[in-house]
Amino acid sequence: MNQIESLEKLYSAVVGDVLDKMGYRAQGFSSRIGALTPARCVSGRIFTAKVVNVNEVPPEPYKLEMEAIDTMKEGDVLVVDAGHNREASFWGELLSTACMAKGVRGIVMSTCTRDLWALEKMDFPVFGIGVTPADSLGRMDVVSYGEPIEIDGVSMKNGDYILGDHDGVVTIPEEVADEVIAKALEKVSGEDTVREELAAGVPVAEVFKKYGIL
C-alpha cells in the first residue's frame, strides 16, 4: 500500500493529532479553507502554485497556470497560495476536467472557485474560501509553480502530502510522511477500540487512562 492509498484511510483530525505529538504543530490550514464541492475528501502529493493580485490582463494570460496543470502528475493535488483573495475566481469546471483526465486528485487554494453548477456534479474535490463569478483574468495571475509556498502559516513544498476532509486540511512534510501515516493508522485502530468501550458504557476517564486516547 503506497502513501496516498494509506492517506485515503485516514482523516485530518487524527493526522493532526499525530503531527502535534511529533512536534509539527503548524501543519493545519485555518478554518477559512474548506470543501466547496460535494466531493469533500482530498489526499495526495502537493504540487504548489503561487498567485498574486494584478490590475491588468498580462501579455500571456494563464501561461503559468496552464504550464502548472500540464506539468502535474497522477496523484498530485494542486495547492495554491493566493493570499485569501475573495475578489476573483481562480478555478472552475474546465480546469477540473483537465485535472481529472491526468489523475490529479483535487485542488486546495486560498481563493475562490466558480462553476459550482458543474463542479457539484463532478467527483473532483475543490477546497477554497468562497465562490464568485468573477474570472481571474486581469485580477490574479500565477507567478510561480513547483516552488515552496506558505498558506495560513503552513510552509509546504512539492512532494509533501496533503489531506483534506469535512474537518479541514492538514499537510505532512515529505521527510516524516512514512512515520506520520503509520502512527495515524495505529491511532485509528486504537480509536476503534475506544469507541467500542465508550459505546458499552465504560466511563470516559477509565477508557482514557487505559488507552490515552480521547
N, C-alpha and C. Protein backbone atom coordinates (compact mmCIF):
# COMPACT_ATOMS: atom_id res chain seq x y z
N MET A 1 0.85 -1.19 0.00
CA MET A 1 0.00 0.00 0.00
C MET A 1 0.89 1.25 0.00
N ASN A 2 0.68 2.16 -0.98
CA ASN A 2 1.50 3.37 -1.02
C ASN A 2 0.93 4.43 -0.09
N GLN A 3 1.64 5.54 -0.01
CA GLN A 3 1.27 6.58 0.96
C GLN A 3 -0.10 7.19 0.65
N ILE A 4 -0.39 7.40 -0.62
CA ILE A 4 -1.67 8.00 -0.97
C ILE A 4 -2.82 7.06 -0.63
N GLU A 5 -2.65 5.78 -0.91
CA GLU A 5 -3.69 4.80 -0.55
C GLU A 5 -3.89 4.78 0.96
N SER A 6 -2.81 4.89 1.71
CA SER A 6 -2.92 4.91 3.17
C SER A 6 -3.63 6.18 3.65
N LEU A 7 -3.33 7.31 3.03
CA LEU A 7 -3.97 8.57 3.41
C LEU A 7 -5.48 8.49 3.23
N GLU A 8 -5.92 7.76 2.22
CA GLU A 8 -7.36 7.64 1.97
C GLU A 8 -8.09 6.95 3.12
N LYS A 9 -7.37 6.22 3.95
CA LYS A 9 -7.97 5.52 5.08
C LYS A 9 -7.97 6.38 6.34
N LEU A 10 -7.41 7.58 6.26
CA LEU A 10 -7.26 8.44 7.42
C LEU A 10 -8.17 9.65 7.33
N TYR A 11 -8.15 10.48 8.36
CA TYR A 11 -8.89 11.73 8.36
C TYR A 11 -8.04 12.81 9.01
N SER A 12 -8.36 14.06 8.69
CA SER A 12 -7.47 15.16 9.04
C SER A 12 -7.22 15.30 10.54
N ALA A 13 -8.23 15.04 11.35
CA ALA A 13 -8.07 15.24 12.80
C ALA A 13 -7.03 14.28 13.38
N VAL A 14 -7.08 13.02 12.98
CA VAL A 14 -6.14 12.05 13.55
C VAL A 14 -4.72 12.33 13.05
N VAL A 15 -4.59 12.75 11.81
CA VAL A 15 -3.27 13.11 11.29
C VAL A 15 -2.74 14.35 12.02
N GLY A 16 -3.62 15.31 12.26
CA GLY A 16 -3.22 16.49 13.01
C GLY A 16 -2.75 16.15 14.42
N ASP A 17 -3.45 15.22 15.06
CA ASP A 17 -3.04 14.80 16.41
C ASP A 17 -1.64 14.19 16.40
N VAL A 18 -1.38 13.35 15.41
CA VAL A 18 -0.06 12.71 15.31
C VAL A 18 1.02 13.75 15.05
N LEU A 19 0.75 14.66 14.15
CA LEU A 19 1.72 15.71 13.85
C LEU A 19 2.00 16.56 15.10
N ASP A 20 0.96 16.88 15.87
CA ASP A 20 1.15 17.64 17.10
C ASP A 20 2.11 16.92 18.04
N LYS A 21 1.89 15.64 18.23
CA LYS A 21 2.71 14.86 19.17
C LYS A 21 4.16 14.73 18.69
N MET A 22 4.35 14.82 17.39
CA MET A 22 5.70 14.73 16.83
C MET A 22 6.39 16.09 16.77
N GLY A 23 5.70 17.14 17.25
CA GLY A 23 6.29 18.46 17.28
C GLY A 23 6.02 19.32 16.06
N TYR A 24 5.19 18.81 15.15
CA TYR A 24 4.82 19.59 13.96
C TYR A 24 3.45 20.19 14.20
N ARG A 25 3.43 21.34 14.86
CA ARG A 25 2.19 21.91 15.35
C ARG A 25 1.63 23.03 14.45
N ALA A 26 2.25 23.22 13.31
CA ALA A 26 1.78 24.26 12.39
C ALA A 26 1.57 23.67 11.00
N GLN A 27 0.75 22.61 10.93
CA GLN A 27 0.54 21.90 9.67
C GLN A 27 -0.90 21.98 9.17
N GLY A 28 -1.77 22.65 9.93
CA GLY A 28 -3.17 22.71 9.53
C GLY A 28 -3.56 24.10 9.04
N PHE A 29 -4.30 24.13 7.93
CA PHE A 29 -4.80 25.40 7.42
C PHE A 29 -5.90 25.94 8.34
N SER A 30 -6.17 27.23 8.24
CA SER A 30 -7.22 27.83 9.05
C SER A 30 -8.59 27.34 8.59
N SER A 31 -9.58 27.62 9.42
CA SER A 31 -10.95 27.20 9.11
C SER A 31 -11.54 27.95 7.93
N ARG A 32 -10.85 28.96 7.43
CA ARG A 32 -11.35 29.69 6.27
C ARG A 32 -11.31 28.84 5.00
N ILE A 33 -10.47 27.82 4.98
CA ILE A 33 -10.34 26.97 3.80
C ILE A 33 -11.07 25.66 4.04
N GLY A 34 -12.03 25.36 3.20
CA GLY A 34 -12.81 24.14 3.35
C GLY A 34 -13.33 23.65 2.02
N ALA A 35 -14.00 22.51 2.05
CA ALA A 35 -14.55 21.92 0.83
C ALA A 35 -15.67 22.79 0.28
N LEU A 36 -15.62 23.04 -1.02
CA LEU A 36 -16.65 23.81 -1.69
C LEU A 36 -17.55 22.94 -2.56
N THR A 37 -17.22 21.67 -2.66
CA THR A 37 -17.93 20.73 -3.54
C THR A 37 -18.43 19.54 -2.74
N PRO A 38 -19.37 18.78 -3.29
CA PRO A 38 -19.83 17.55 -2.62
C PRO A 38 -18.71 16.53 -2.43
N ALA A 39 -17.72 16.54 -3.31
CA ALA A 39 -16.52 15.72 -3.11
C ALA A 39 -15.69 16.39 -2.03
N ARG A 40 -15.78 15.88 -0.79
CA ARG A 40 -15.27 16.60 0.38
C ARG A 40 -14.02 15.98 0.98
N CYS A 41 -13.40 15.03 0.29
CA CYS A 41 -12.17 14.42 0.79
C CYS A 41 -11.12 14.46 -0.31
N VAL A 42 -9.94 14.93 0.03
CA VAL A 42 -8.85 15.01 -0.93
C VAL A 42 -7.56 14.56 -0.25
N SER A 43 -6.74 13.83 -0.98
CA SER A 43 -5.45 13.41 -0.45
C SER A 43 -4.50 13.16 -1.61
N GLY A 44 -3.23 13.44 -1.38
CA GLY A 44 -2.23 13.21 -2.42
C GLY A 44 -0.97 13.98 -2.16
N ARG A 45 -0.10 13.99 -3.18
CA ARG A 45 1.14 14.75 -3.13
C ARG A 45 0.88 16.21 -3.48
N ILE A 46 1.54 17.08 -2.77
CA ILE A 46 1.38 18.52 -3.01
C ILE A 46 2.14 18.95 -4.26
N PHE A 47 1.46 19.73 -5.10
CA PHE A 47 2.09 20.44 -6.22
C PHE A 47 1.71 21.90 -6.04
N THR A 48 2.69 22.76 -5.85
CA THR A 48 2.43 24.12 -5.42
C THR A 48 2.29 25.11 -6.58
N ALA A 49 1.55 26.18 -6.31
CA ALA A 49 1.49 27.34 -7.21
C ALA A 49 1.30 28.60 -6.37
N LYS A 50 1.87 29.69 -6.84
CA LYS A 50 1.77 30.98 -6.17
C LYS A 50 1.03 31.95 -7.08
N VAL A 51 0.00 32.60 -6.52
CA VAL A 51 -0.82 33.54 -7.28
C VAL A 51 -0.75 34.91 -6.61
N VAL A 52 -0.69 35.96 -7.43
CA VAL A 52 -0.70 37.32 -6.90
C VAL A 52 -1.81 38.12 -7.57
N ASN A 53 -2.21 39.20 -6.91
CA ASN A 53 -3.21 40.10 -7.48
C ASN A 53 -2.58 40.93 -8.60
N VAL A 54 -3.34 41.16 -9.67
CA VAL A 54 -2.90 42.02 -10.76
C VAL A 54 -4.02 43.00 -11.10
N ASN A 55 -3.67 44.05 -11.80
CA ASN A 55 -4.65 45.09 -12.15
C ASN A 55 -4.86 45.23 -13.64
N GLU A 56 -4.24 44.34 -14.42
CA GLU A 56 -4.41 44.37 -15.86
C GLU A 56 -4.19 42.98 -16.44
N VAL A 57 -4.67 42.76 -17.63
CA VAL A 57 -4.50 41.47 -18.28
C VAL A 57 -3.04 41.29 -18.68
N PRO A 58 -2.38 40.22 -18.27
CA PRO A 58 -0.97 40.02 -18.60
C PRO A 58 -0.77 39.74 -20.09
N PRO A 59 0.44 39.93 -20.60
CA PRO A 59 0.71 39.71 -22.02
C PRO A 59 0.39 38.28 -22.48
N GLU A 60 0.63 37.32 -21.59
CA GLU A 60 0.34 35.92 -21.91
C GLU A 60 -0.61 35.36 -20.84
N PRO A 61 -1.90 35.59 -20.98
CA PRO A 61 -2.86 35.18 -19.95
C PRO A 61 -2.81 33.69 -19.66
N TYR A 62 -2.88 33.37 -18.40
CA TYR A 62 -2.97 31.98 -17.92
C TYR A 62 -1.71 31.15 -18.22
N LYS A 63 -0.63 31.76 -18.68
CA LYS A 63 0.53 30.99 -19.14
C LYS A 63 1.04 30.00 -18.09
N LEU A 64 1.42 30.50 -16.92
CA LEU A 64 1.99 29.61 -15.90
C LEU A 64 0.93 28.71 -15.28
N GLU A 65 -0.32 29.18 -15.24
CA GLU A 65 -1.40 28.34 -14.74
C GLU A 65 -1.55 27.10 -15.63
N MET A 66 -1.53 27.29 -16.93
CA MET A 66 -1.63 26.15 -17.84
C MET A 66 -0.40 25.26 -17.76
N GLU A 67 0.78 25.87 -17.64
CA GLU A 67 2.01 25.08 -17.50
C GLU A 67 1.95 24.20 -16.26
N ALA A 68 1.48 24.77 -15.16
CA ALA A 68 1.41 24.02 -13.91
C ALA A 68 0.51 22.81 -14.07
N ILE A 69 -0.66 23.01 -14.64
CA ILE A 69 -1.60 21.90 -14.81
C ILE A 69 -1.03 20.85 -15.74
N ASP A 70 -0.39 21.27 -16.80
CA ASP A 70 0.19 20.31 -17.75
C ASP A 70 1.39 19.58 -17.17
N THR A 71 2.02 20.16 -16.14
CA THR A 71 3.20 19.54 -15.51
C THR A 71 2.81 18.52 -14.44
N MET A 72 1.67 18.71 -13.81
CA MET A 72 1.26 17.83 -12.72
C MET A 72 1.12 16.38 -13.18
N LYS A 73 1.28 15.47 -12.21
CA LYS A 73 1.20 14.05 -12.50
C LYS A 73 0.09 13.39 -11.68
N GLU A 74 -0.24 12.18 -12.05
CA GLU A 74 -1.24 11.41 -11.31
C GLU A 74 -0.85 11.32 -9.84
N GLY A 75 -1.81 11.55 -8.98
CA GLY A 75 -1.55 11.52 -7.54
C GLY A 75 -1.29 12.87 -6.92
N ASP A 76 -1.10 13.90 -7.77
CA ASP A 76 -0.85 15.24 -7.25
C ASP A 76 -2.15 15.93 -6.82
N VAL A 77 -2.00 16.87 -5.89
CA VAL A 77 -3.06 17.80 -5.51
C VAL A 77 -2.49 19.20 -5.70
N LEU A 78 -3.17 20.03 -6.47
CA LEU A 78 -2.71 21.40 -6.67
C LEU A 78 -3.03 22.23 -5.43
N VAL A 79 -2.01 22.83 -4.86
CA VAL A 79 -2.17 23.68 -3.67
C VAL A 79 -1.73 25.08 -4.03
N VAL A 80 -2.64 26.04 -3.91
CA VAL A 80 -2.43 27.38 -4.44
C VAL A 80 -2.46 28.42 -3.33
N ASP A 81 -1.36 29.13 -3.19
CA ASP A 81 -1.30 30.29 -2.29
C ASP A 81 -1.73 31.52 -3.07
N ALA A 82 -2.93 32.02 -2.79
CA ALA A 82 -3.46 33.20 -3.47
C ALA A 82 -3.74 34.33 -2.49
N GLY A 83 -3.22 34.23 -1.29
CA GLY A 83 -3.35 35.33 -0.33
C GLY A 83 -4.76 35.61 0.15
N HIS A 84 -5.62 34.58 0.12
CA HIS A 84 -7.01 34.71 0.56
C HIS A 84 -7.75 35.80 -0.23
N ASN A 85 -7.58 35.77 -1.52
CA ASN A 85 -8.25 36.71 -2.42
C ASN A 85 -9.68 36.26 -2.66
N ARG A 86 -10.66 37.10 -2.27
CA ARG A 86 -12.08 36.80 -2.49
C ARG A 86 -12.68 37.58 -3.66
N GLU A 87 -11.85 38.33 -4.36
CA GLU A 87 -12.36 39.23 -5.39
C GLU A 87 -12.50 38.55 -6.75
N ALA A 88 -11.90 37.37 -6.92
CA ALA A 88 -11.95 36.70 -8.21
C ALA A 88 -11.89 35.20 -8.01
N SER A 89 -12.24 34.49 -9.06
CA SER A 89 -12.25 33.03 -9.04
C SER A 89 -11.04 32.49 -9.79
N PHE A 90 -10.27 31.65 -9.14
CA PHE A 90 -9.10 31.05 -9.77
C PHE A 90 -9.43 29.76 -10.50
N TRP A 91 -10.52 29.10 -10.12
CA TRP A 91 -10.79 27.73 -10.57
C TRP A 91 -12.18 27.60 -11.15
N GLY A 92 -12.38 26.49 -11.91
CA GLY A 92 -13.69 26.23 -12.47
C GLY A 92 -13.80 24.85 -13.08
N GLU A 93 -14.87 24.65 -13.81
CA GLU A 93 -15.21 23.34 -14.37
C GLU A 93 -14.17 22.83 -15.37
N LEU A 94 -13.73 23.67 -16.29
CA LEU A 94 -12.86 23.19 -17.37
C LEU A 94 -11.49 22.77 -16.84
N LEU A 95 -10.95 23.52 -15.89
CA LEU A 95 -9.68 23.13 -15.30
C LEU A 95 -9.81 21.85 -14.49
N SER A 96 -10.94 21.68 -13.82
CA SER A 96 -11.18 20.43 -13.09
C SER A 96 -11.23 19.25 -14.06
N THR A 97 -11.86 19.46 -15.20
CA THR A 97 -11.95 18.40 -16.21
C THR A 97 -10.55 18.01 -16.69
N ALA A 98 -9.70 19.00 -16.95
CA ALA A 98 -8.34 18.72 -17.39
C ALA A 98 -7.56 17.95 -16.33
N CYS A 99 -7.73 18.33 -15.07
CA CYS A 99 -7.01 17.66 -13.99
C CYS A 99 -7.49 16.23 -13.79
N MET A 100 -8.79 16.01 -13.88
CA MET A 100 -9.32 14.66 -13.74
C MET A 100 -8.76 13.74 -14.80
N ALA A 101 -8.59 14.24 -16.01
CA ALA A 101 -8.06 13.42 -17.10
C ALA A 101 -6.62 12.99 -16.84
N LYS A 102 -5.88 13.78 -16.04
CA LYS A 102 -4.49 13.48 -15.73
C LYS A 102 -4.32 12.65 -14.47
N GLY A 103 -5.40 12.44 -13.73
CA GLY A 103 -5.29 11.74 -12.46
C GLY A 103 -4.91 12.63 -11.30
N VAL A 104 -4.98 13.96 -11.51
CA VAL A 104 -4.80 14.90 -10.40
C VAL A 104 -5.99 14.75 -9.46
N ARG A 105 -5.73 14.79 -8.15
CA ARG A 105 -6.73 14.35 -7.18
C ARG A 105 -7.57 15.47 -6.57
N GLY A 106 -7.26 16.73 -6.89
CA GLY A 106 -8.04 17.83 -6.34
C GLY A 106 -7.23 19.10 -6.28
N ILE A 107 -7.87 20.16 -5.78
CA ILE A 107 -7.21 21.44 -5.59
C ILE A 107 -7.57 22.00 -4.22
N VAL A 108 -6.58 22.59 -3.56
CA VAL A 108 -6.77 23.30 -2.29
C VAL A 108 -6.16 24.67 -2.48
N MET A 109 -6.94 25.73 -2.24
CA MET A 109 -6.46 27.07 -2.56
C MET A 109 -6.99 28.11 -1.59
N SER A 110 -6.22 29.17 -1.42
CA SER A 110 -6.66 30.27 -0.56
C SER A 110 -7.30 31.36 -1.42
N THR A 111 -8.28 30.93 -2.22
CA THR A 111 -9.06 31.85 -3.03
C THR A 111 -10.36 31.15 -3.42
N CYS A 112 -11.03 31.68 -4.44
CA CYS A 112 -12.39 31.23 -4.76
C CYS A 112 -12.45 30.37 -6.03
N THR A 113 -13.58 29.72 -6.17
CA THR A 113 -13.88 28.99 -7.39
C THR A 113 -15.15 29.56 -8.00
N ARG A 114 -15.53 29.01 -9.16
CA ARG A 114 -16.83 29.29 -9.76
C ARG A 114 -17.29 28.02 -10.47
N ASP A 115 -18.36 28.09 -11.21
CA ASP A 115 -18.91 26.93 -11.93
C ASP A 115 -19.39 25.83 -10.98
N LEU A 116 -19.90 26.23 -9.83
CA LEU A 116 -20.38 25.21 -8.90
C LEU A 116 -21.50 24.37 -9.50
N TRP A 117 -22.26 24.94 -10.40
CA TRP A 117 -23.35 24.19 -11.05
C TRP A 117 -22.80 22.93 -11.72
N ALA A 118 -21.56 23.00 -12.20
CA ALA A 118 -20.93 21.84 -12.84
C ALA A 118 -20.06 21.05 -11.86
N LEU A 119 -19.33 21.76 -11.02
CA LEU A 119 -18.44 21.09 -10.07
C LEU A 119 -19.20 20.18 -9.12
N GLU A 120 -20.43 20.56 -8.81
CA GLU A 120 -21.22 19.74 -7.89
C GLU A 120 -21.60 18.40 -8.50
N LYS A 121 -21.46 18.27 -9.80
CA LYS A 121 -21.77 17.01 -10.49
C LYS A 121 -20.52 16.18 -10.77
N MET A 122 -19.36 16.72 -10.43
CA MET A 122 -18.08 16.07 -10.73
C MET A 122 -17.47 15.48 -9.47
N ASP A 123 -16.76 14.39 -9.61
CA ASP A 123 -16.08 13.78 -8.49
C ASP A 123 -14.65 14.32 -8.40
N PHE A 124 -14.57 15.64 -8.18
CA PHE A 124 -13.28 16.32 -8.10
C PHE A 124 -13.32 17.30 -6.94
N PRO A 125 -12.54 17.05 -5.88
CA PRO A 125 -12.60 17.90 -4.69
C PRO A 125 -12.01 19.28 -4.94
N VAL A 126 -12.77 20.31 -4.60
CA VAL A 126 -12.29 21.68 -4.68
C VAL A 126 -12.42 22.30 -3.31
N PHE A 127 -11.29 22.66 -2.70
CA PHE A 127 -11.25 23.31 -1.40
C PHE A 127 -10.82 24.76 -1.61
N GLY A 128 -11.51 25.68 -0.96
CA GLY A 128 -11.16 27.09 -1.09
C GLY A 128 -11.85 27.92 -0.04
N ILE A 129 -12.00 29.23 -0.32
CA ILE A 129 -12.56 30.14 0.69
C ILE A 129 -13.89 30.74 0.26
N GLY A 130 -14.36 30.43 -0.95
CA GLY A 130 -15.62 31.00 -1.37
C GLY A 130 -15.89 30.81 -2.84
N VAL A 131 -16.94 31.49 -3.30
CA VAL A 131 -17.39 31.37 -4.69
C VAL A 131 -17.68 32.76 -5.23
N THR A 132 -17.27 33.00 -6.46
CA THR A 132 -17.59 34.26 -7.13
C THR A 132 -17.57 34.02 -8.63
N PRO A 133 -18.42 34.71 -9.40
CA PRO A 133 -18.41 34.53 -10.84
C PRO A 133 -17.28 35.26 -11.55
N ALA A 134 -16.59 36.16 -10.86
CA ALA A 134 -15.55 36.98 -11.49
C ALA A 134 -14.35 36.14 -11.89
N ASP A 135 -13.94 36.22 -13.14
CA ASP A 135 -12.80 35.46 -13.64
C ASP A 135 -11.49 36.04 -13.10
N SER A 136 -10.46 35.21 -13.06
CA SER A 136 -9.15 35.66 -12.59
C SER A 136 -8.44 36.55 -13.61
N LEU A 137 -8.84 36.51 -14.86
CA LEU A 137 -8.17 37.26 -15.91
C LEU A 137 -8.13 38.76 -15.59
N GLY A 138 -6.92 39.29 -15.46
CA GLY A 138 -6.76 40.69 -15.13
C GLY A 138 -6.94 41.00 -13.66
N ARG A 139 -7.16 39.98 -12.85
CA ARG A 139 -7.37 40.18 -11.41
C ARG A 139 -6.35 39.41 -10.57
N MET A 140 -5.95 38.23 -11.02
CA MET A 140 -4.90 37.47 -10.35
C MET A 140 -4.19 36.61 -11.39
N ASP A 141 -2.93 36.25 -11.08
CA ASP A 141 -2.16 35.51 -12.07
C ASP A 141 -1.12 34.65 -11.35
N VAL A 142 -0.84 33.48 -11.91
CA VAL A 142 0.20 32.60 -11.36
C VAL A 142 1.57 33.19 -11.68
N VAL A 143 2.41 33.32 -10.65
CA VAL A 143 3.76 33.86 -10.86
C VAL A 143 4.83 32.79 -10.69
N SER A 144 4.48 31.64 -10.10
CA SER A 144 5.44 30.55 -9.98
C SER A 144 4.69 29.26 -9.65
N TYR A 145 5.29 28.16 -9.96
CA TYR A 145 4.75 26.86 -9.55
C TYR A 145 5.92 25.91 -9.26
N GLY A 146 5.65 24.93 -8.41
CA GLY A 146 6.69 23.99 -8.03
C GLY A 146 7.69 24.54 -7.03
N GLU A 147 7.44 25.74 -6.51
CA GLU A 147 8.32 26.36 -5.51
C GLU A 147 7.65 26.35 -4.14
N PRO A 148 8.42 26.40 -3.05
CA PRO A 148 7.82 26.42 -1.71
C PRO A 148 6.84 27.57 -1.55
N ILE A 149 5.74 27.31 -0.85
CA ILE A 149 4.72 28.33 -0.58
C ILE A 149 4.33 28.25 0.89
N GLU A 150 3.52 29.23 1.31
CA GLU A 150 3.00 29.24 2.68
C GLU A 150 1.55 29.70 2.66
N ILE A 151 0.70 28.95 3.34
CA ILE A 151 -0.71 29.31 3.49
C ILE A 151 -1.06 29.22 4.97
N ASP A 152 -1.61 30.27 5.53
CA ASP A 152 -2.02 30.28 6.94
C ASP A 152 -0.90 29.84 7.88
N GLY A 153 0.32 30.24 7.54
CA GLY A 153 1.46 29.90 8.39
C GLY A 153 2.00 28.51 8.18
N VAL A 154 1.43 27.76 7.24
CA VAL A 154 1.87 26.41 6.95
C VAL A 154 2.80 26.45 5.73
N SER A 155 4.05 26.07 5.93
CA SER A 155 5.01 26.03 4.83
C SER A 155 4.95 24.65 4.17
N MET A 156 5.04 24.64 2.85
CA MET A 156 4.98 23.36 2.14
C MET A 156 5.74 23.45 0.83
N LYS A 157 6.05 22.28 0.29
CA LYS A 157 6.81 22.19 -0.95
C LYS A 157 6.29 21.01 -1.77
N ASN A 158 6.68 20.97 -3.03
CA ASN A 158 6.33 19.83 -3.85
C ASN A 158 6.83 18.54 -3.21
N GLY A 159 6.00 17.51 -3.22
CA GLY A 159 6.39 16.23 -2.65
C GLY A 159 5.90 16.01 -1.23
N ASP A 160 5.52 17.10 -0.53
CA ASP A 160 4.84 16.92 0.75
C ASP A 160 3.46 16.33 0.48
N TYR A 161 2.75 15.97 1.53
CA TYR A 161 1.44 15.35 1.37
C TYR A 161 0.35 16.22 2.00
N ILE A 162 -0.86 16.05 1.50
CA ILE A 162 -1.98 16.84 1.99
C ILE A 162 -3.19 15.94 2.17
N LEU A 163 -3.98 16.25 3.19
CA LEU A 163 -5.22 15.52 3.46
C LEU A 163 -6.28 16.52 3.88
N GLY A 164 -7.37 16.55 3.14
CA GLY A 164 -8.47 17.43 3.47
C GLY A 164 -9.78 16.66 3.52
N ASP A 165 -10.65 17.06 4.46
CA ASP A 165 -11.95 16.39 4.58
C ASP A 165 -12.94 17.37 5.21
N HIS A 166 -14.01 16.83 5.81
CA HIS A 166 -15.05 17.67 6.40
C HIS A 166 -14.51 18.61 7.49
N ASP A 167 -13.45 18.20 8.18
CA ASP A 167 -12.92 18.99 9.29
C ASP A 167 -11.93 20.06 8.86
N GLY A 168 -11.35 19.93 7.69
CA GLY A 168 -10.35 20.90 7.25
C GLY A 168 -9.19 20.23 6.55
N VAL A 169 -8.05 20.90 6.56
CA VAL A 169 -6.90 20.47 5.75
C VAL A 169 -5.63 20.45 6.60
N VAL A 170 -4.86 19.36 6.47
CA VAL A 170 -3.54 19.28 7.09
C VAL A 170 -2.53 18.86 6.03
N THR A 171 -1.27 19.24 6.27
CA THR A 171 -0.19 18.84 5.37
C THR A 171 0.84 18.04 6.16
N ILE A 172 1.55 17.17 5.44
CA ILE A 172 2.55 16.31 6.06
C ILE A 172 3.87 16.50 5.33
N PRO A 173 4.92 16.96 6.00
CA PRO A 173 6.22 17.09 5.35
C PRO A 173 6.68 15.74 4.80
N GLU A 174 7.22 15.75 3.60
CA GLU A 174 7.63 14.52 2.93
C GLU A 174 8.59 13.69 3.77
N GLU A 175 9.49 14.36 4.49
CA GLU A 175 10.54 13.65 5.22
C GLU A 175 10.01 12.85 6.41
N VAL A 176 8.80 13.16 6.88
CA VAL A 176 8.25 12.39 8.01
C VAL A 176 6.95 11.70 7.62
N ALA A 177 6.63 11.65 6.34
CA ALA A 177 5.34 11.12 5.91
C ALA A 177 5.15 9.66 6.31
N ASP A 178 6.18 8.83 6.12
CA ASP A 178 6.04 7.41 6.47
C ASP A 178 5.68 7.24 7.94
N GLU A 179 6.40 7.96 8.81
CA GLU A 179 6.17 7.83 10.25
C GLU A 179 4.79 8.37 10.64
N VAL A 180 4.43 9.51 10.10
CA VAL A 180 3.14 10.12 10.43
C VAL A 180 1.99 9.20 10.01
N ILE A 181 2.04 8.69 8.80
CA ILE A 181 0.96 7.85 8.30
C ILE A 181 0.86 6.56 9.10
N ALA A 182 2.00 5.95 9.42
CA ALA A 182 1.99 4.72 10.21
C ALA A 182 1.38 4.96 11.59
N LYS A 183 1.77 6.04 12.25
CA LYS A 183 1.24 6.34 13.58
C LYS A 183 -0.24 6.70 13.51
N ALA A 184 -0.65 7.37 12.44
CA ALA A 184 -2.06 7.74 12.30
C ALA A 184 -2.93 6.50 12.09
N LEU A 185 -2.45 5.56 11.30
CA LEU A 185 -3.19 4.31 11.10
C LEU A 185 -3.32 3.55 12.41
N GLU A 186 -2.26 3.56 13.20
CA GLU A 186 -2.29 2.91 14.51
C GLU A 186 -3.29 3.60 15.44
N LYS A 187 -3.32 4.93 15.39
CA LYS A 187 -4.25 5.68 16.24
C LYS A 187 -5.70 5.42 15.83
N VAL A 188 -5.96 5.31 14.55
CA VAL A 188 -7.31 4.99 14.09
C VAL A 188 -7.76 3.65 14.65
N SER A 189 -6.87 2.69 14.63
CA SER A 189 -7.20 1.37 15.19
C SER A 189 -7.51 1.47 16.67
N GLY A 190 -6.71 2.26 17.40
CA GLY A 190 -6.94 2.45 18.82
C GLY A 190 -8.26 3.17 19.09
N GLU A 191 -8.61 4.13 18.24
CA GLU A 191 -9.87 4.85 18.42
C GLU A 191 -11.06 3.93 18.19
N ASP A 192 -10.92 2.96 17.31
CA ASP A 192 -12.00 2.00 17.09
C ASP A 192 -12.27 1.21 18.38
N THR A 193 -11.20 0.83 19.07
CA THR A 193 -11.35 0.10 20.32
C THR A 193 -11.98 0.98 21.39
N VAL A 194 -11.49 2.23 21.49
CA VAL A 194 -12.04 3.17 22.47
C VAL A 194 -13.52 3.41 22.21
N ARG A 195 -13.89 3.56 20.96
CA ARG A 195 -15.28 3.81 20.60
C ARG A 195 -16.18 2.66 21.08
N GLU A 196 -15.70 1.46 20.91
CA GLU A 196 -16.48 0.29 21.33
C GLU A 196 -16.70 0.30 22.84
N GLU A 197 -15.66 0.64 23.61
CA GLU A 197 -15.79 0.63 25.06
C GLU A 197 -16.70 1.77 25.54
N LEU A 198 -16.56 2.94 24.92
CA LEU A 198 -17.43 4.06 25.29
C LEU A 198 -18.89 3.74 24.96
N ALA A 199 -19.12 3.09 23.83
CA ALA A 199 -20.48 2.71 23.46
C ALA A 199 -21.06 1.68 24.41
N ALA A 200 -20.18 0.91 25.05
CA ALA A 200 -20.63 -0.09 26.01
C ALA A 200 -20.86 0.49 27.40
N GLY A 201 -20.58 1.81 27.55
CA GLY A 201 -20.85 2.48 28.81
C GLY A 201 -19.69 2.58 29.76
N VAL A 202 -18.49 2.21 29.33
CA VAL A 202 -17.33 2.33 30.20
C VAL A 202 -17.04 3.82 30.43
N PRO A 203 -16.79 4.23 31.68
CA PRO A 203 -16.55 5.64 31.97
C PRO A 203 -15.41 6.23 31.13
N VAL A 204 -15.59 7.48 30.73
CA VAL A 204 -14.61 8.14 29.86
C VAL A 204 -13.23 8.16 30.51
N ALA A 205 -13.16 8.53 31.80
CA ALA A 205 -11.87 8.62 32.48
C ALA A 205 -11.17 7.27 32.50
N GLU A 206 -11.94 6.21 32.68
CA GLU A 206 -11.36 4.87 32.72
C GLU A 206 -10.79 4.48 31.35
N VAL A 207 -11.53 4.81 30.32
CA VAL A 207 -11.07 4.49 28.97
C VAL A 207 -9.82 5.29 28.62
N PHE A 208 -9.82 6.57 29.00
CA PHE A 208 -8.65 7.40 28.69
C PHE A 208 -7.42 6.92 29.44
N LYS A 209 -7.60 6.53 30.69
CA LYS A 209 -6.48 6.03 31.48
C LYS A 209 -5.91 4.76 30.85
N LYS A 210 -6.76 3.96 30.29
CA LYS A 210 -6.36 2.68 29.71
C LYS A 210 -5.65 2.84 28.37
N TYR A 211 -6.18 3.75 27.53
CA TYR A 211 -5.67 3.85 26.15
C TYR A 211 -4.96 5.18 25.85
N GLY A 212 -5.21 6.21 26.64
CA GLY A 212 -4.61 7.51 26.36
C GLY A 212 -5.13 8.16 25.11
N ILE A 213 -6.35 7.79 24.73
CA ILE A 213 -6.97 8.31 23.51
C ILE A 213 -8.33 8.89 23.85
N LEU A 214 -8.60 10.08 23.31
CA LEU A 214 -9.92 10.69 23.53
C LEU A 214 -10.23 11.63 22.37
